[in-house]
């Protein structure tokens, strides 16, 4: 049971919002269209096996790894704010 000014189910609403936000973020990162033969960042050739395995691929493995590492480091900060502060 929620306390204070939060209505019953407020915690579940926050959980649902967090999950929905993560799903939207993941969907927005999916590639679409034809795969590129050359990386759009460094112009290195993208191997055919990678182009077949990942439809719409736009980056070589090295550039993709660097981009994902950059995303991971910025994802450590919760930009949604404290869940407790949102429930009061």
Protein backbone atom coordinates (compact mmCIF):
# COMPACT_ATOMS: atom_id res chain seq x y z
CA UNK A 1 0.00 0.00 0.00
CA UNK A 2 1.36 3.41 -0.94
CA UNK A 3 1.59 6.08 1.71
CA UNK A 4 1.39 9.85 1.73
CA UNK A 5 -0.27 11.49 -1.28
CA UNK A 6 0.39 8.66 -3.69
CA UNK A 7 -2.60 6.64 -4.83
CA UNK A 8 -2.77 2.88 -4.55
CA UNK A 9 -0.86 1.41 -7.46
CA UNK A 10 1.47 4.41 -7.83
CA UNK A 11 4.53 2.22 -7.40
CA UNK A 12 3.32 -0.13 -10.13
CA UNK A 13 2.65 2.88 -12.37
CA UNK A 14 6.28 3.97 -11.92
CA UNK A 15 7.52 0.45 -12.69
CA UNK A 16 5.36 0.31 -15.82
CA UNK A 17 6.59 3.74 -16.94
CA UNK A 18 10.22 2.68 -16.47
CA UNK A 19 9.70 -0.53 -18.45
CA UNK A 20 7.82 1.27 -21.22
CA UNK A 21 10.57 3.87 -21.46
CA UNK A 22 13.24 1.17 -21.77
CA UNK A 23 11.24 -0.63 -24.47
CA UNK A 24 10.79 2.59 -26.45
CA UNK A 25 14.51 3.35 -26.17
CA UNK A 26 15.42 -0.15 -27.37
CA UNK A 27 12.99 0.04 -30.30
CA UNK A 28 14.38 3.41 -31.36
CA UNK A 29 17.84 1.88 -31.62
CA UNK A 30 16.78 -0.91 -33.99
CA UNK A 31 18.12 -0.56 -37.49
CA UNK A 32 15.88 -0.46 -40.54
CA UNK A 33 16.47 -0.63 -44.27
CA UNK A 34 19.38 -1.97 -46.26
CA UNK A 35 22.73 -2.66 -44.65
CA UNK A 36 25.63 -0.46 -45.66
CA UNK A 37 28.72 -1.97 -47.23
CA UNK A 38 30.96 0.59 -45.55
CA UNK A 39 30.75 2.00 -42.01
CA UNK A 40 29.11 5.42 -41.91
CA UNK A 41 31.61 6.53 -39.23
CA UNK A 42 35.02 5.32 -40.40
CA UNK A 43 34.38 3.99 -43.96
CA UNK A 44 35.75 0.54 -43.05
CA UNK A 45 34.18 -2.32 -44.98
CA UNK A 46 31.38 -4.10 -43.12
CA UNK A 47 31.76 -7.88 -43.61
CA UNK A 48 28.97 -9.55 -45.58
CA UNK A 49 28.22 -11.97 -42.72
CA UNK A 50 27.55 -8.98 -40.42
CA UNK A 51 25.34 -7.31 -43.04
CA UNK A 52 23.28 -10.50 -43.39
CA UNK A 53 23.09 -11.17 -39.64
CA UNK A 54 22.01 -7.62 -38.75
CA UNK A 55 19.62 -6.16 -41.33
CA UNK A 56 20.11 -2.41 -41.65
CA UNK A 57 23.55 -2.41 -40.02
CA UNK A 58 25.30 0.95 -40.47
CA UNK A 59 28.48 0.61 -38.39
CA UNK A 60 31.49 -1.69 -38.34
CA UNK A 61 32.07 -3.77 -35.21
CA UNK A 62 34.66 -1.34 -33.80
CA UNK A 63 32.46 1.75 -34.20
CA UNK A 64 29.40 -0.14 -32.89
CA UNK A 65 31.36 -1.22 -29.80
CA UNK A 66 32.50 2.35 -29.13
CA UNK A 67 28.94 3.67 -29.53
CA UNK A 68 27.52 1.05 -27.15
CA UNK A 69 30.25 1.76 -24.57
CA UNK A 70 29.36 5.45 -24.75
CA UNK A 71 25.67 4.68 -24.23
CA UNK A 72 26.40 2.41 -21.27
CA UNK A 73 28.38 5.06 -19.44
CA UNK A 74 25.64 7.67 -19.89
CA UNK A 75 22.91 5.18 -18.89
CA UNK A 76 24.28 4.92 -15.35
CA UNK A 77 22.53 8.15 -14.39
CA UNK A 78 18.77 7.98 -13.80
CA UNK A 79 17.45 11.00 -15.66
CA UNK A 80 13.88 10.26 -14.53
CA UNK A 81 14.63 11.40 -11.00
CA UNK A 82 14.14 9.61 -7.75
CA UNK A 83 11.19 7.24 -7.70
CA UNK A 84 10.44 8.27 -4.11
CA UNK A 85 10.26 11.96 -5.02
CA UNK A 86 7.82 11.21 -7.83
CA UNK A 87 5.47 9.32 -5.57
CA UNK A 88 5.05 12.05 -2.94
